[in-house]
Structure formats: structure tokens, C-alpha cells
């Protein structure tokens, strides 16, 4: 078989496709596998964040849900992992990995990573 776990969600941009499955190794809850346009695995990364959405843009992958956010580059290197002080409805990445807009139910705020 092509996959050894049930696909939970699929995310993509013009160059990559990311599949989220349950982590069959039991190390993490989820496994994100990112493929390039030729079907080659770019990277696999396990995570435990209960996610609402994943955004793939600008060479980065944003995984977020409720108040938690993870950011990886397309080499699988974690650039940020943290809990924000507001519920996240939507993340809108800025022109660099260090800037993004966080949309919550009651506000829109800019987040700058150090």
C-alpha cells in the first residue's frame, strides 16, 4: 500500500502536498509528511498539537489550533512552537517567517517572532 495510516487531512500549495495521518509509531499523535511535485518525500514530522488548520506558504508550514502554533520550514526544521494568549481562528503569514497576522473571534493582531 502507498500509505500505512489513514489520512486525516491534506494541505497543499503550488509546489508541495502535505498529508496528516495518525502517527503509527505511537511517538506522537499525528504525522505530517510533505511531498514535492514529483512525489518525493521532503520530510516527515510528528506532532501532538490538536490542529484546526495548516497553511503552506512562503517556504514555511504553519500548524495551528485553538491557542497553539507550530511553524516549520520546508526542510522540517521547527522555527516556532508556542501557545498564544488568544484563540486562533486564522493565521495569515506575512512577508517573512517572523511576521504574521493572528485572526481571532474578536480581534486581528500582528505577531512578530524574535
PDB file of N, CA and C in Angstrom:
ATOM      1  N   UNK A   1       0.837  -1.185   0.000  1.00  0.00           N
ATOM      2  CA  UNK A   1       0.000   0.000   0.000  1.00  0.00           C
ATOM      3  C   UNK A   1       0.875   1.238   0.000  1.00  0.00           C
ATOM      4  N   UNK A   2       0.308   2.310  -0.493  1.00  0.00           N
ATOM      5  CA  UNK A   2       1.048   3.574  -0.558  1.00  0.00           C
ATOM      6  C   UNK A   2       1.228   4.178   0.824  1.00  0.00           C
ATOM      7  N   UNK A   3       0.173   4.160   1.645  1.00  0.00           N
ATOM      8  CA  UNK A   3       0.225   4.733   2.991  1.00  0.00           C
ATOM      9  C   UNK A   3      -0.102   3.654   4.010  1.00  0.00           C
ATOM     10  N   UNK A   4       0.571   3.736   5.159  1.00  0.00           N
ATOM     11  CA  UNK A   4       0.313   2.745   6.199  1.00  0.00           C
ATOM     12  C   UNK A   4      -0.588   3.282   7.307  1.00  0.00           C
ATOM     13  N   UNK A   5      -1.175   4.459   7.098  1.00  0.00           N
ATOM     14  CA  UNK A   5      -2.079   5.052   8.086  1.00  0.00           C
ATOM     15  C   UNK A   5      -3.176   5.819   7.360  1.00  0.00           C
ATOM     16  N   UNK A   6      -4.313   5.972   8.025  1.00  0.00           N
ATOM     17  CA  UNK A   6      -5.441   6.688   7.438  1.00  0.00           C
ATOM     18  C   UNK A   6      -5.151   8.181   7.374  1.00  0.00           C
ATOM     19  N   UNK A   7      -5.409   8.787   6.223  1.00  0.00           N
ATOM     20  CA  UNK A   7      -5.184  10.215   6.031  1.00  0.00           C
ATOM     21  C   UNK A   7      -6.250  10.997   6.793  1.00  0.00           C
ATOM     22  N   UNK A   8      -5.807  11.938   7.630  1.00  0.00           N
ATOM     23  CA  UNK A   8      -6.701  12.790   8.408  1.00  0.00           C
ATOM     24  C   UNK A   8      -7.022  14.083   7.667  1.00  0.00           C
ATOM     25  N   UNK A   9      -6.017  14.630   6.955  1.00  0.00           N
ATOM     26  CA  UNK A   9      -6.224  15.857   6.200  1.00  0.00           C
ATOM     27  C   UNK A   9      -5.108  16.020   5.172  1.00  0.00           C
ATOM     28  N   UNK A  10      -5.386  16.848   4.158  1.00  0.00           N
ATOM     29  CA  UNK A  10      -4.445  17.108   3.071  1.00  0.00           C
ATOM     30  C   UNK A  10      -4.325  18.619   2.906  1.00  0.00           C
ATOM     31  N   UNK A  11      -3.079  19.092   2.765  1.00  0.00           N
ATOM     32  CA  UNK A  11      -2.814  20.516   2.556  1.00  0.00           C
ATOM     33  C   UNK A  11      -1.821  20.635   1.420  1.00  0.00           C
ATOM     34  N   UNK A  12      -1.906  21.721   0.672  1.00  0.00           N
ATOM     35  CA  UNK A  12      -1.025  21.854  -0.487  1.00  0.00           C
ATOM     36  C   UNK A  12      -0.803  23.320  -0.837  1.00  0.00           C
ATOM     37  N   UNK A  13       0.238  23.542  -1.629  1.00  0.00           N
ATOM     38  CA  UNK A  13       0.455  24.809  -2.299  1.00  0.00           C
ATOM     39  C   UNK A  13       0.892  24.479  -3.716  1.00  0.00           C
ATOM     40  N   UNK A  14       1.461  25.420  -4.434  1.00  0.00           N
ATOM     41  CA  UNK A  14       1.796  25.166  -5.834  1.00  0.00           C
ATOM     42  C   UNK A  14       2.994  24.236  -6.021  1.00  0.00           C
ATOM     43  N   UNK A  15       3.739  23.909  -4.947  1.00  0.00           N
ATOM     44  CA  UNK A  15       4.918  23.059  -5.080  1.00  0.00           C
ATOM     45  C   UNK A  15       4.895  21.796  -4.215  1.00  0.00           C
ATOM     46  N   UNK A  16       4.085  21.783  -3.148  1.00  0.00           N
ATOM     47  CA  UNK A  16       4.142  20.692  -2.188  1.00  0.00           C
ATOM     48  C   UNK A  16       2.749  20.240  -1.766  1.00  0.00           C
ATOM     49  N   UNK A  17       2.695  18.997  -1.323  1.00  0.00           N
ATOM     50  CA  UNK A  17       1.470  18.430  -0.749  1.00  0.00           C
ATOM     51  C   UNK A  17       1.844  17.873   0.615  1.00  0.00           C
ATOM     52  N   UNK A  18       1.039  18.184   1.623  1.00  0.00           N
ATOM     53  CA  UNK A  18       1.255  17.653   2.960  1.00  0.00           C
ATOM     54  C   UNK A  18       0.085  16.775   3.368  1.00  0.00           C
ATOM     55  N   UNK A  19       0.385  15.578   3.856  1.00  0.00           N
ATOM     56  CA  UNK A  19      -0.634  14.660   4.353  1.00  0.00           C
ATOM     57  C   UNK A  19      -0.463  14.505   5.855  1.00  0.00           C
ATOM     58  N   UNK A  20      -1.551  14.641   6.590  1.00  0.00           N
ATOM     59  CA  UNK A  20      -1.535  14.390   8.024  1.00  0.00           C
ATOM     60  C   UNK A  20      -2.225  13.061   8.271  1.00  0.00           C
ATOM     61  N   UNK A  21      -1.511  12.167   8.964  1.00  0.00           N
ATOM     62  CA  UNK A  21      -2.040  10.868   9.362  1.00  0.00           C
ATOM     63  C   UNK A  21      -1.840  10.723  10.865  1.00  0.00           C
ATOM     64  N   UNK A  22      -2.443   9.719  11.440  1.00  0.00           N
ATOM     65  CA  UNK A  22      -2.089   9.374  12.816  1.00  0.00           C
ATOM     66  C   UNK A  22      -0.696   8.769  12.786  1.00  0.00           C
ATOM     67  N   UNK A  23       0.091   9.033  13.806  1.00  0.00           N
ATOM     68  CA  UNK A  23       1.440   8.502  13.912  1.00  0.00           C
ATOM     69  C   UNK A  23       1.358   7.044  14.361  1.00  0.00           C
ATOM     70  N   UNK A  24       1.626   6.130  13.446  1.00  0.00           N
ATOM     71  CA  UNK A  24       1.503   4.700  13.753  1.00  0.00           C
ATOM     72  C   UNK A  24       2.622   4.198  14.668  1.00  0.00           C
ATOM     73  N   UNK A  25       3.685   4.997  14.853  1.00  0.00           N
ATOM     74  CA  UNK A  25       4.759   4.578  15.758  1.00  0.00           C
ATOM     75  C   UNK A  25       4.376   4.773  17.220  1.00  0.00           C
ATOM     76  N   UNK A  26       3.352   5.619  17.463  1.00  0.00           N
ATOM     77  CA  UNK A  26       2.915   5.888  18.827  1.00  0.00           C
ATOM     78  C   UNK A  26       3.726   6.962  19.530  1.00  0.00           C
ATOM     79  N   UNK A  27       4.730   7.509  18.866  1.00  0.00           N
ATOM     80  CA  UNK A  27       5.558   8.555  19.459  1.00  0.00           C
ATOM     81  C   UNK A  27       4.797   9.871  19.589  1.00  0.00           C
ATOM     82  N   UNK A  28       4.037  10.216  18.555  1.00  0.00           N
ATOM     83  CA  UNK A  28       3.235  11.442  18.527  1.00  0.00           C
ATOM     84  C   UNK A  28       1.809  11.080  18.148  1.00  0.00           C
ATOM     85  N   UNK A  29       0.916  12.036  18.245  1.00  0.00           N
ATOM     86  CA  UNK A  29      -0.462  11.777  17.827  1.00  0.00           C
ATOM     87  C   UNK A  29      -0.580  11.807  16.304  1.00  0.00           C
ATOM     88  N   UNK A  30       0.063  12.801  15.668  1.00  0.00           N
ATOM     89  CA  UNK A  30      -0.052  12.987  14.225  1.00  0.00           C
ATOM     90  C   UNK A  30       1.315  12.915  13.559  1.00  0.00           C
ATOM     91  N   UNK A  31       1.290  12.625  12.265  1.00  0.00           N
ATOM     92  CA  UNK A  31       2.485  12.645  11.437  1.00  0.00           C
ATOM     93  C   UNK A  31       2.180  13.469  10.188  1.00  0.00           C
ATOM     94  N   UNK A  32       2.990  14.496   9.951  1.00  0.00           N
ATOM     95  CA  UNK A  32       2.879  15.298   8.734  1.00  0.00           C
ATOM     96  C   UNK A  32       3.960  14.825   7.782  1.00  0.00           C
ATOM     97  N   UNK A  33       3.566  14.426   6.576  1.00  0.00           N
ATOM     98  CA  UNK A  33       4.513  14.041   5.533  1.00  0.00           C
ATOM     99  C   UNK A  33       4.330  15.014   4.384  1.00  0.00           C
ATOM    100  N   UNK A  34       5.426  15.654   3.977  1.00  0.00           N
ATOM    101  CA  UNK A  34       5.385  16.636   2.896  1.00  0.00           C
ATOM    102  C   UNK A  34       6.081  16.048   1.672  1.00  0.00           C
ATOM    103  N   UNK A  35       5.385  16.112   0.533  1.00  0.00           N
ATOM    104  CA  UNK A  35       5.881  15.593  -0.742  1.00  0.00           C
ATOM    105  C   UNK A  35       6.099  16.749  -1.709  1.00  0.00           C
ATOM    106  N   UNK A  36       7.128  16.627  -2.572  1.00  0.00           N
ATOM    107  CA  UNK A  36       7.302  17.628  -3.622  1.00  0.00           C
ATOM    108  C   UNK A  36       6.456  17.217  -4.828  1.00  0.00           C
ATOM    109  N   UNK A  37       6.533  18.002  -5.904  1.00  0.00           N
ATOM    110  CA  UNK A  37       5.676  17.778  -7.074  1.00  0.00           C
ATOM    111  C   UNK A  37       5.937  16.433  -7.758  1.00  0.00           C
ATOM    112  N   UNK A  38       7.126  15.859  -7.572  1.00  0.00           N
ATOM    113  CA  UNK A  38       7.426  14.560  -8.193  1.00  0.00           C
ATOM    114  C   UNK A  38       7.029  13.385  -7.299  1.00  0.00           C
ATOM    115  N   UNK A  39       6.486  13.670  -6.101  1.00  0.00           N
ATOM    116  CA  UNK A  39       6.057  12.617  -5.195  1.00  0.00           C
ATOM    117  C   UNK A  39       7.126  12.153  -4.227  1.00  0.00           C
ATOM    118  N   UNK A  40       8.264  12.844  -4.216  1.00  0.00           N
ATOM    119  CA  UNK A  40       9.345  12.506  -3.302  1.00  0.00           C
ATOM    120  C   UNK A  40       9.066  13.101  -1.926  1.00  0.00           C
ATOM    121  N   UNK A  41       9.303  12.317  -0.889  1.00  0.00           N
ATOM    122  CA  UNK A  41       9.100  12.822   0.473  1.00  0.00           C
ATOM    123  C   UNK A  41      10.161  13.874   0.784  1.00  0.00           C
ATOM    124  N   UNK A  42       9.703  15.079   1.124  1.00  0.00           N
ATOM    125  CA  UNK A  42      10.597  16.163   1.549  1.00  0.00           C
ATOM    126  C   UNK A  42      11.000  15.961   3.002  1.00  0.00           C
ATOM    127  N   UNK A  43       9.984  15.699   3.855  1.00  0.00           N
ATOM    128  CA  UNK A  43      10.246  15.397   5.260  1.00  0.00           C
ATOM    129  C   UNK A  43       9.003  14.816   5.916  1.00  0.00           C
ATOM    130  N   UNK A  44       9.231  14.191   7.057  1.00  0.00           N
ATOM    131  CA  UNK A  44       8.161  13.698   7.933  1.00  0.00           C
ATOM    132  C   UNK A  44       8.400  14.300   9.305  1.00  0.00           C
ATOM    133  N   UNK A  45       7.332  14.736   9.931  1.00  0.00           N
ATOM    134  CA  UNK A  45       7.457  15.337  11.257  1.00  0.00           C
ATOM    135  C   UNK A  45       6.251  14.954  12.084  1.00  0.00           C
ATOM    136  N   UNK A  46       6.496  14.395  13.263  1.00  0.00           N
ATOM    137  CA  UNK A  46       5.425  14.079  14.187  1.00  0.00           C
ATOM    138  C   UNK A  46       5.099  15.276  15.055  1.00  0.00           C
ATOM    139  N   UNK A  47       3.820  15.401  15.418  1.00  0.00           N
ATOM    140  CA  UNK A  47       3.417  16.489  16.311  1.00  0.00           C
ATOM    141  C   UNK A  47       2.194  16.071  17.099  1.00  0.00           C
ATOM    142  N   UNK A  48       1.966  16.757  18.219  1.00  0.00           N
ATOM    143  CA  UNK A  48       0.852  16.441  19.112  1.00  0.00           C
ATOM    144  C   UNK A  48      -0.200  17.536  19.182  1.00  0.00           C
ATOM    145  N   UNK A  49       0.041  18.659  18.566  1.00  0.00           N
ATOM    146  CA  UNK A  49      -0.893  19.789  18.606  1.00  0.00           C
ATOM    147  C   UNK A  49      -2.225  19.396  17.984  1.00  0.00           C
ATOM    148  N   UNK A  50      -3.307  19.672  18.716  1.00  0.00           N
ATOM    149  CA  UNK A  50      -4.646  19.490  18.151  1.00  0.00           C
ATOM    150  C   UNK A  50      -4.867  20.658  17.188  1.00  0.00           C
ATOM    151  N   UNK A  51      -4.733  20.383  15.915  1.00  0.00           N
ATOM    152  CA  UNK A  51      -4.715  21.452  14.921  1.00  0.00           C
ATOM    153  C   UNK A  51      -6.100  21.717  14.340  1.00  0.00           C
ATOM    154  N   UNK A  52      -6.295  22.960  13.939  1.00  0.00           N
ATOM    155  CA  UNK A  52      -7.504  23.385  13.244  1.00  0.00           C
ATOM    156  C   UNK A  52      -7.219  23.484  11.748  1.00  0.00           C
ATOM    157  N   UNK A  53      -6.010  23.945  11.442  1.00  0.00           N
ATOM    158  CA  UNK A  53      -5.668  24.169  10.046  1.00  0.00           C
ATOM    159  C   UNK A  53      -4.160  24.112   9.876  1.00  0.00           C
ATOM    160  N   UNK A  54      -3.735  23.940   8.645  1.00  0.00           N
ATOM    161  CA  UNK A  54      -2.333  24.000   8.266  1.00  0.00           C
ATOM    162  C   UNK A  54      -2.238  24.884   7.041  1.00  0.00           C
ATOM    163  N   UNK A  55      -1.298  25.824   7.060  1.00  0.00           N
ATOM    164  CA  UNK A  55      -1.075  26.720   5.932  1.00  0.00           C
ATOM    165  C   UNK A  55       0.335  26.473   5.425  1.00  0.00           C
ATOM    166  N   UNK A  56       0.462  26.220   4.128  1.00  0.00           N
ATOM    167  CA  UNK A  56       1.767  26.034   3.497  1.00  0.00           C
ATOM    168  C   UNK A  56       1.990  27.205   2.556  1.00  0.00           C
ATOM    169  N   UNK A  57       2.919  28.087   2.903  1.00  0.00           N
ATOM    170  CA  UNK A  57       3.177  29.255   2.082  1.00  0.00           C
ATOM    171  C   UNK A  57       4.553  29.821   2.388  1.00  0.00           C
ATOM    172  N   UNK A  58       5.139  30.472   1.388  1.00  0.00           N
ATOM    173  CA  UNK A  58       6.403  31.168   1.587  1.00  0.00           C
ATOM    174  C   UNK A  58       7.528  30.306   2.115  1.00  0.00           C
ATOM    175  N   UNK A  59       7.531  29.017   1.782  1.00  0.00           N
ATOM    176  CA  UNK A  59       8.582  28.129   2.262  1.00  0.00           C
ATOM    177  C   UNK A  59       8.418  27.681   3.698  1.00  0.00           C
ATOM    178  N   UNK A  60       7.256  27.946   4.286  1.00  0.00           N
ATOM    179  CA  UNK A  60       7.001  27.564   5.674  1.00  0.00           C
ATOM    180  C   UNK A  60       5.657  26.859   5.807  1.00  0.00           C
ATOM    181  N   UNK A  61       5.539  26.107   6.879  1.00  0.00           N
ATOM    182  CA  UNK A  61       4.307  25.388   7.181  1.00  0.00           C
ATOM    183  C   UNK A  61       3.845  25.823   8.564  1.00  0.00           C
ATOM    184  N   UNK A  62       2.630  26.342   8.656  1.00  0.00           N
ATOM    185  CA  UNK A  62       2.038  26.829   9.895  1.00  0.00           C
ATOM    186  C   UNK A  62       0.956  25.843  10.319  1.00  0.00           C
ATOM    187  N   UNK A  63       1.125  25.248  11.482  1.00  0.00           N
ATOM    188  CA  UNK A  63       0.144  24.312  12.042  1.00  0.00           C
ATOM    189  C   UNK A  63      -0.450  24.993  13.266  1.00  0.00           C
ATOM    190  N   UNK A  64      -1.768  25.142  13.303  1.00  0.00           N
ATOM    191  CA  UNK A  64      -2.345  25.846  14.443  1.00  0.00           C
ATOM    192  C   UNK A  64      -3.727  25.322  14.804  1.00  0.00           C
ATOM    193  N   UNK A  65      -4.044  25.522  16.073  1.00  0.00           N
ATOM    194  CA  UNK A  65      -5.349  25.154  16.593  1.00  0.00           C
ATOM    195  C   UNK A  65      -5.546  25.778  17.951  1.00  0.00           C
ATOM    196  N   UNK A  66      -6.730  26.259  18.223  1.00  0.00           N
ATOM    197  CA  UNK A  66      -7.037  26.944  19.479  1.00  0.00           C
ATOM    198  C   UNK A  66      -5.974  27.996  19.778  1.00  0.00           C
ATOM    199  N   UNK A  67      -5.088  27.749  20.719  1.00  0.00           N
ATOM    200  CA  UNK A  67      -4.062  28.750  21.059  1.00  0.00           C
ATOM    201  C   UNK A  67      -2.648  28.284  20.723  1.00  0.00           C
ATOM    202  N   UNK A  68      -2.500  27.093  20.171  1.00  0.00           N
ATOM    203  CA  UNK A  68      -1.167  26.561  19.884  1.00  0.00           C
ATOM    204  C   UNK A  68      -0.775  26.770  18.430  1.00  0.00           C
ATOM    205  N   UNK A  69       0.527  26.997  18.206  1.00  0.00           N
ATOM    206  CA  UNK A  69       1.043  27.216  16.867  1.00  0.00           C
ATOM    207  C   UNK A  69       2.410  26.557  16.727  1.00  0.00           C
ATOM    208  N   UNK A  70       2.612  25.877  15.607  1.00  0.00           N
ATOM    209  CA  UNK A  70       3.910  25.315  15.226  1.00  0.00           C
ATOM    210  C   UNK A  70       4.265  25.868  13.853  1.00  0.00           C
ATOM    211  N   UNK A  71       5.534  26.194  13.650  1.00  0.00           N
ATOM    212  CA  UNK A  71       5.991  26.640  12.339  1.00  0.00           C
ATOM    213  C   UNK A  71       7.229  25.832  11.970  1.00  0.00           C
ATOM    214  N   UNK A  72       7.198  25.244  10.773  1.00  0.00           N
ATOM    215  CA  UNK A  72       8.330  24.502  10.229  1.00  0.00           C
ATOM    216  C   UNK A  72       8.713  25.098   8.890  1.00  0.00           C
ATOM    217  N   UNK A  73       9.998  24.982   8.539  1.00  0.00           N
ATOM    218  CA  UNK A  73      10.366  25.315   7.170  1.00  0.00           C
ATOM    219  C   UNK A  73      10.218  24.057   6.331  1.00  0.00           C
ATOM    220  N   UNK A  74      10.497  24.145   5.044  1.00  0.00           N
ATOM    221  CA  UNK A  74      10.286  23.002   4.161  1.00  0.00           C
ATOM    222  C   UNK A  74      11.406  21.970   4.221  1.00  0.00           C
ATOM    223  N   UNK A  75      12.322  22.133   5.169  1.00  0.00           N
ATOM    224  CA  UNK A  75      13.323  21.106   5.454  1.00  0.00           C
ATOM    225  C   UNK A  75      12.939  20.335   6.718  1.00  0.00           C
ATOM    226  N   UNK A  76      11.803  20.718   7.331  1.00  0.00           N
ATOM    227  CA  UNK A  76      11.329  20.052   8.531  1.00  0.00           C
ATOM    228  C   UNK A  76      11.904  20.616   9.813  1.00  0.00           C
ATOM    229  N   UNK A  77      12.623  21.729   9.724  1.00  0.00           N
ATOM    230  CA  UNK A  77      13.198  22.364  10.911  1.00  0.00           C
ATOM    231  C   UNK A  77      12.142  23.204  11.608  1.00  0.00           C
ATOM    232  N   UNK A  78      11.950  22.972  12.899  1.00  0.00           N
ATOM    233  CA  UNK A  78      10.969  23.736  13.658  1.00  0.00           C
ATOM    234  C   UNK A  78      11.498  25.147  13.897  1.00  0.00           C
ATOM    235  N   UNK A  79      10.714  26.140  13.505  1.00  0.00           N
ATOM    236  CA  UNK A  79      11.080  27.539  13.677  1.00  0.00           C
ATOM    237  C   UNK A  79      10.368  28.182  14.855  1.00  0.00           C
ATOM    238  N   UNK A  80       9.225  27.625  15.241  1.00  0.00           N
ATOM    239  CA  UNK A  80       8.466  28.161  16.370  1.00  0.00           C
ATOM    240  C   UNK A  80       7.538  27.085  16.890  1.00  0.00           C
ATOM    241  N   UNK A  81       7.384  27.041  18.204  1.00  0.00           N
ATOM    242  CA  UNK A  81       6.387  26.194  18.857  1.00  0.00           C
ATOM    243  C   UNK A  81       5.968  26.938  20.102  1.00  0.00           C
ATOM    244  N   UNK A  82       4.695  27.277  20.199  1.00  0.00           N
ATOM    245  CA  UNK A  82       4.271  28.012  21.373  1.00  0.00           C
ATOM    246  C   UNK A  82       2.777  28.106  21.514  1.00  0.00           C
ATOM    247  N   UNK A  83       2.390  28.670  22.637  1.00  0.00           N
ATOM    248  CA  UNK A  83       0.988  28.906  22.955  1.00  0.00           C
ATOM    249  C   UNK A  83       0.774  30.412  22.985  1.00  0.00           C
ATOM    250  N   UNK A  84      -0.249  30.862  22.292  1.00  0.00           N
ATOM    251  CA  UNK A  84      -0.565  32.285  22.232  1.00  0.00           C
ATOM    252  C   UNK A  84      -1.642  32.600  23.262  1.00  0.00           C
ATOM    253  N   UNK A  85      -1.773  33.867  23.593  1.00  0.00           N
ATOM    254  CA  UNK A  85      -2.742  34.264  24.614  1.00  0.00           C
ATOM    255  C   UNK A  85      -4.106  34.597  24.026  1.00  0.00           C
ATOM    256  N   UNK A  86      -4.406  34.053  22.855  1.00  0.00           N
ATOM    257  CA  UNK A  86      -5.709  34.259  22.236  1.00  0.00           C
ATOM    258  C   UNK A  86      -6.056  33.043  21.388  1.00  0.00           C
ATOM    259  N   UNK A  87      -7.352  32.822  21.186  1.00  0.00           N
ATOM    260  CA  UNK A  87      -7.786  31.740  20.306  1.00  0.00           C
ATOM    261  C   UNK A  87      -7.443  32.116  18.868  1.00  0.00           C
ATOM    262  N   UNK A  88      -6.929  31.157  18.124  1.00  0.00           N
ATOM    263  CA  UNK A  88      -6.529  31.400  16.742  1.00  0.00           C
ATOM    264  C   UNK A  88      -7.628  30.890  15.819  1.00  0.00           C
ATOM    265  N   UNK A  89      -8.245  31.801  15.072  1.00  0.00           N
ATOM    266  CA  UNK A  89      -9.202  31.401  14.044  1.00  0.00           C
ATOM    267  C   UNK A  89      -8.497  31.226  12.707  1.00  0.00           C
ATOM    268  N   UNK A  90      -7.477  32.066  12.469  1.00  0.00           N
ATOM    269  CA  UNK A  90      -6.772  32.060  11.195  1.00  0.00           C
ATOM    270  C   UNK A  90      -5.401  32.680  11.386  1.00  0.00           C
ATOM    271  N   UNK A  91      -4.406  32.123  10.727  1.00  0.00           N
ATOM    272  CA  UNK A  91      -3.081  32.731  10.662  1.00  0.00           C
ATOM    273  C   UNK A  91      -2.859  33.173   9.229  1.00  0.00           C
ATOM    274  N   UNK A  92      -2.447  34.431   9.071  1.00  0.00           N
ATOM    275  CA  UNK A  92      -2.116  34.969   7.759  1.00  0.00           C
ATOM    276  C   UNK A  92      -0.628  35.310   7.785  1.00  0.00           C
ATOM    277  N   UNK A  93       0.194  34.464   7.145  1.00  0.00           N
ATOM    278  CA  UNK A  93       1.636  34.717   7.155  1.00  0.00           C
ATOM    279  C   UNK A  93       1.973  36.041   6.484  1.00  0.00           C
ATOM    280  N   UNK A  94       3.009  36.704   7.021  1.00  0.00           N
ATOM    281  CA  UNK A  94       3.490  37.957   6.443  1.00  0.00           C
ATOM    282  C   UNK A  94       4.556  37.688   5.402  1.00  0.00           C
ATOM    283  N   UNK A  95       5.337  38.731   5.090  1.00  0.00           N
ATOM    284  CA  UNK A  95       6.358  38.594   4.065  1.00  0.00           C
ATOM    285  C   UNK A  95       7.647  37.951   4.581  1.00  0.00           C
ATOM    286  N   UNK A  96       7.706  37.633   5.875  1.00  0.00           N
ATOM    287  CA  UNK A  96       8.836  36.894   6.436  1.00  0.00           C
ATOM    288  C   UNK A  96       8.293  35.940   7.497  1.00  0.00           C
ATOM    289  N   UNK A  97       9.101  34.957   7.869  1.00  0.00           N
ATOM    290  CA  UNK A  97       8.651  33.971   8.855  1.00  0.00           C
ATOM    291  C   UNK A  97       8.397  34.611  10.209  1.00  0.00           C
ATOM    292  N   UNK A  98       9.005  35.770  10.467  1.00  0.00           N
ATOM    293  CA  UNK A  98       8.879  36.381  11.789  1.00  0.00           C
ATOM    294  C   UNK A  98       7.635  37.253  11.944  1.00  0.00           C
ATOM    295  N   UNK A  99       6.876  37.454  10.877  1.00  0.00           N
ATOM    296  CA  UNK A  99       5.680  38.296  10.963  1.00  0.00           C
ATOM    297  C   UNK A  99       4.464  37.548  10.455  1.00  0.00           C
ATOM    298  N   UNK A 100       3.363  37.694  11.199  1.00  0.00           N
ATOM    299  CA  UNK A 100       2.103  37.103  10.767  1.00  0.00           C
ATOM    300  C   UNK A 100       0.953  37.820  11.453  1.00  0.00           C
ATOM    301  N   UNK A 101      -0.202  37.731  10.849  1.00  0.00           N
ATOM    302  CA  UNK A 101      -1.414  38.262  11.459  1.00  0.00           C
ATOM    303  C   UNK A 101      -2.167  37.089  12.076  1.00  0.00           C
ATOM    304  N   UNK A 102      -2.637  37.294  13.304  1.00  0.00           N
ATOM    305  CA  UNK A 102      -3.431  36.303  14.011  1.00  0.00           C
ATOM    306  C   UNK A 102      -4.860  36.827  14.075  1.00  0.00           C
ATOM    307  N   UNK A 103      -5.774  36.099  13.484  1.00  0.00           N
ATOM    308  CA  UNK A 103      -7.177  36.476  13.500  1.00  0.00           C
ATOM    309  C   UNK A 103      -7.871  35.615  14.551  1.00  0.00           C
ATOM    310  N   UNK A 104      -8.510  36.271  15.507  1.00  0.00           N
ATOM    311  CA  UNK A 104      -9.306  35.557  16.499  1.00  0.00           C
ATOM    312  C   UNK A 104     -10.757  35.969  16.315  1.00  0.00           C
ATOM    313  N   UNK A 105     -11.626  35.451  17.145  1.00  0.00           N
ATOM    314  CA  UNK A 105     -13.040  35.753  17.008  1.00  0.00           C
ATOM    315  C   UNK A 105     -13.328  37.243  17.216  1.00  0.00           C
ATOM    316  N   UNK A 106     -12.526  37.907  18.063  1.00  0.00           N
ATOM    317  CA  UNK A 106     -12.803  39.300  18.405  1.00  0.00           C
ATOM    318  C   UNK A 106     -11.757  40.303  17.941  1.00  0.00           C
ATOM    319  N   UNK A 107     -10.656  39.827  17.347  1.00  0.00           N
ATOM    320  CA  UNK A 107      -9.604  40.783  17.006  1.00  0.00           C
ATOM    321  C   UNK A 107      -8.688  40.249  15.910  1.00  0.00           C
ATOM    322  N   UNK A 108      -7.910  41.167  15.377  1.00  0.00           N
ATOM    323  CA  UNK A 108      -6.819  40.847  14.463  1.00  0.00           C
ATOM    324  C   UNK A 108      -5.573  41.492  15.054  1.00  0.00           C
ATOM    325  N   UNK A 109      -4.522  40.706  15.233  1.00  0.00           N
ATOM    326  CA  UNK A 109      -3.316  41.264  15.795  1.00  0.00           C
ATOM    327  C   UNK A 109      -2.111  40.775  15.004  1.00  0.00           C
ATOM    328  N   UNK A 110      -1.045  41.564  15.070  1.00  0.00           N
ATOM    329  CA  UNK A 110       0.197  41.190  14.394  1.00  0.00           C
ATOM    330  C   UNK A 110       1.108  40.508  15.400  1.00  0.00           C
ATOM    331  N   UNK A 111       1.722  39.429  14.968  1.00  0.00           N
ATOM    332  CA  UNK A 111       2.675  38.706  15.812  1.00  0.00           C
ATOM    333  C   UNK A 111       4.039  38.797  15.160  1.00  0.00           C
ATOM    334  N   UNK A 112       5.037  39.212  15.933  1.00  0.00           N
ATOM    335  CA  UNK A 112       6.413  39.265  15.462  1.00  0.00           C
ATOM    336  C   UNK A 112       7.234  38.329  16.323  1.00  0.00           C
ATOM    337  N   UNK A 113       7.857  37.346  15.688  1.00  0.00           N
ATOM    338  CA  UNK A 113       8.723  36.419  16.401  1.00  0.00           C
ATOM    339  C   UNK A 113      10.115  37.012  16.532  1.00  0.00           C
ATOM    340  N   UNK A 114      10.769  36.715  17.643  1.00  0.00           N
ATOM    341  CA  UNK A 114      12.126  37.219  17.844  1.00  0.00           C
ATOM    342  C   UNK A 114      13.138  36.193  17.426  1.00  0.00           C
TER     343      UNK A 114
END
